[in-house]
C-alpha atoms as a PDB file:
ATOM      1  CA  UNK A   1       0.000   0.000   0.000  1.00  0.00           C
ATOM      2  CA  UNK A   2       2.861   2.404   0.742  1.00  0.00           C
ATOM      3  CA  UNK A   3       4.360   1.981  -2.708  1.00  0.00           C
ATOM      4  CA  UNK A   4       1.031   2.595  -4.413  1.00  0.00           C
ATOM      5  CA  UNK A   5       0.460   5.776  -2.383  1.00  0.00           C
ATOM      6  CA  UNK A   6       3.925   7.076  -3.152  1.00  0.00           C
ATOM      7  CA  UNK A   7       3.493   6.400  -6.854  1.00  0.00           C
ATOM      8  CA  UNK A   8       0.167   8.226  -6.768  1.00  0.00           C
ATOM      9  CA  UNK A   9       1.648  11.272  -4.996  1.00  0.00           C
ATOM     10  CA  UNK A  10       4.649  11.407  -7.337  1.00  0.00           C
ATOM     11  CA  UNK A  11       2.304  11.088 -10.321  1.00  0.00           C
ATOM     12  CA  UNK A  12       0.183  14.017  -9.131  1.00  0.00           C
ATOM     13  CA  UNK A  13       3.274  16.124  -8.490  1.00  0.00           C
ATOM     14  CA  UNK A  14       4.631  15.416 -11.965  1.00  0.00           C
ATOM     15  CA  UNK A  15       1.261  16.254 -13.498  1.00  0.00           C
ATOM     16  CA  UNK A  16       1.230  19.559 -11.590  1.00  0.00           C
ATOM     17  CA  UNK A  17       4.727  20.375 -12.857  1.00  0.00           C
ATOM     18  CA  UNK A  18       3.657  19.641 -16.432  1.00  0.00           C
ATOM     19  CA  UNK A  19       0.638  21.957 -16.070  1.00  0.00           C
ATOM     20  CA  UNK A  20       2.830  24.694 -14.601  1.00  0.00           C
ATOM     21  CA  UNK A  21       5.298  24.228 -17.435  1.00  0.00           C
ATOM     22  CA  UNK A  22       2.645  24.532 -20.135  1.00  0.00           C
ATOM     23  CA  UNK A  23       1.284  27.711 -18.542  1.00  0.00           C
ATOM     24  CA  UNK A  24       4.787  29.233 -18.326  1.00  0.00           C
ATOM     25  CA  UNK A  25       4.712  29.470 -14.529  1.00  0.00           C
ATOM     26  CA  UNK A  26       7.264  26.715 -13.809  1.00  0.00           C
ATOM     27  CA  UNK A  27      10.332  29.038 -13.497  1.00  0.00           C
ATOM     28  CA  UNK A  28       8.496  31.253 -10.994  1.00  0.00           C
ATOM     29  CA  UNK A  29       7.375  28.222  -9.016  1.00  0.00           C
ATOM     30  CA  UNK A  30      10.900  26.822  -8.913  1.00  0.00           C
ATOM     31  CA  UNK A  31      12.353  30.231  -8.006  1.00  0.00           C
ATOM     32  CA  UNK A  32      10.167  30.274  -4.872  1.00  0.00           C
ATOM     33  CA  UNK A  33      10.165  26.627  -3.855  1.00  0.00           C
ATOM     34  CA  UNK A  34      13.835  25.682  -4.209  1.00  0.00           C
ATOM     35  CA  UNK A  35      15.260  28.373  -1.863  1.00  0.00           C
ATOM     36  CA  UNK A  36      12.440  27.955   0.631  1.00  0.00           C
ATOM     37  CA  UNK A  37      12.911  24.172   0.659  1.00  0.00           C
ATOM     38  CA  UNK A  38      16.657  24.579   1.180  1.00  0.00           C
ATOM     39  CA  UNK A  39      16.015  27.023   4.026  1.00  0.00           C
ATOM     40  CA  UNK A  40      13.507  24.682   5.648  1.00  0.00           C
ATOM     41  CA  UNK A  41      15.838  21.663   5.386  1.00  0.00           C
ATOM     42  CA  UNK A  42      18.741  23.690   6.803  1.00  0.00           C
ATOM     43  CA  UNK A  43      16.668  24.886   9.756  1.00  0.00           C
ATOM     44  CA  UNK A  44      15.455  21.356  10.409  1.00  0.00           C
ATOM     45  CA  UNK A  45      19.033  20.018  10.385  1.00  0.00           C
ATOM     46  CA  UNK A  46      20.155  22.768  12.756  1.00  0.00           C
ATOM     47  CA  UNK A  47      17.321  22.044  15.202  1.00  0.00           C
ATOM     48  CA  UNK A  48      18.025  18.297  15.067  1.00  0.00           C
ATOM     49  CA  UNK A  49      21.718  18.905  15.727  1.00  0.00           C
ATOM     50  CA  UNK A  50      20.963  21.177  18.668  1.00  0.00           C
ATOM     51  CA  UNK A  51      18.496  18.733  20.219  1.00  0.00           C
ATOM     52  CA  UNK A  52      20.804  15.728  19.902  1.00  0.00           C
ATOM     53  CA  UNK A  53      22.224  14.445  23.198  1.00  0.00           C
ATOM     54  CA  UNK A  54      25.770  15.500  23.950  1.00  0.00           C
ATOM     55  CA  UNK A  55      28.488  12.948  23.400  1.00  0.00           C
ATOM     56  CA  UNK A  56      30.092  14.088  26.647  1.00  0.00           C
ATOM     57  CA  UNK A  57      27.096  13.186  28.841  1.00  0.00           C
ATOM     58  CA  UNK A  58      27.306   9.468  28.246  1.00  0.00           C
ATOM     59  CA  UNK A  59      27.171   7.106  31.219  1.00  0.00           C
ATOM     60  CA  UNK A  60      30.549   5.734  32.340  1.00  0.00           C
ATOM     61  CA  UNK A  61      31.734   2.420  30.977  1.00  0.00           C
ATOM     62  CA  UNK A  62      31.161  -0.648  33.143  1.00  0.00           C
ATOM     63  CA  UNK A  63      34.144  -1.969  35.086  1.00  0.00           C
ATOM     64  CA  UNK A  64      34.565  -4.956  32.782  1.00  0.00           C
ATOM     65  CA  UNK A  65      34.987  -2.618  29.787  1.00  0.00           C
ATOM     66  CA  UNK A  66      37.521  -0.427  31.577  1.00  0.00           C
ATOM     67  CA  UNK A  67      39.515  -3.492  32.656  1.00  0.00           C
ATOM     68  CA  UNK A  68      39.336  -5.038  29.184  1.00  0.00           C
ATOM     69  CA  UNK A  69      40.494  -1.770  27.545  1.00  0.00           C
ATOM     70  CA  UNK A  70      43.614  -1.641  29.730  1.00  0.00           C
ATOM     71  CA  UNK A  71      45.999  -3.851  27.785  1.00  0.00           C
ATOM     72  CA  UNK A  72      48.485  -3.989  30.648  1.00  0.00           C
ATOM     73  CA  UNK A  73      46.043  -6.004  32.784  1.00  0.00           C
ATOM     74  CA  UNK A  74      46.233  -9.803  32.629  1.00  0.00           C
ATOM     75  CA  UNK A  75      43.378 -11.778  31.116  1.00  0.00           C
ATOM     76  CA  UNK A  76      42.530 -13.242  34.526  1.00  0.00           C
ATOM     77  CA  UNK A  77      41.624  -9.737  35.788  1.00  0.00           C
ATOM     78  CA  UNK A  78      39.317  -9.182  32.813  1.00  0.00           C
ATOM     79  CA  UNK A  79      37.555 -12.499  33.405  1.00  0.00           C
ATOM     80  CA  UNK A  80      37.245 -11.782  37.136  1.00  0.00           C
ATOM     81  CA  UNK A  81      35.697  -8.347  36.471  1.00  0.00           C
ATOM     82  CA  UNK A  82      33.177  -9.863  34.039  1.00  0.00           C
ATOM     83  CA  UNK A  83      32.360 -12.582  36.580  1.00  0.00           C
ATOM     84  CA  UNK A  84      31.782 -10.026  39.346  1.00  0.00           C
ATOM     85  CA  UNK A  85      29.413  -8.081  37.103  1.00  0.00           C
ATOM     86  CA  UNK A  86      27.561 -11.239  36.073  1.00  0.00           C
ATOM     87  CA  UNK A  87      27.041 -12.388  39.658  1.00  0.00           C
ATOM     88  CA  UNK A  88      26.023  -8.875  40.777  1.00  0.00           C
ATOM     89  CA  UNK A  89      23.364  -8.779  38.030  1.00  0.00           C
ATOM     90  CA  UNK A  90      21.788 -12.052  39.232  1.00  0.00           C
ATOM     91  CA  UNK A  91      21.189 -10.813  42.778  1.00  0.00           C
END
């Protein structure tokens, strides 16, 4: 159903452009719609970027990730940290 609706909308839009072109009003239409569309898309992108959560406000990594990221730590420490987290989650 979505594809059929999209095809119908695109068909109507193309028909409207053809009618505007035959009446000689297509350049005026494009002169108004293209800049306004670009302005609207730019404003939307700016609002979305401003409302996005900050990358600096992320929760801290779990202990098992911090231990695993430290390459100087032995593998036994990494396994022990993962085991502690697994047993803490079951309680």
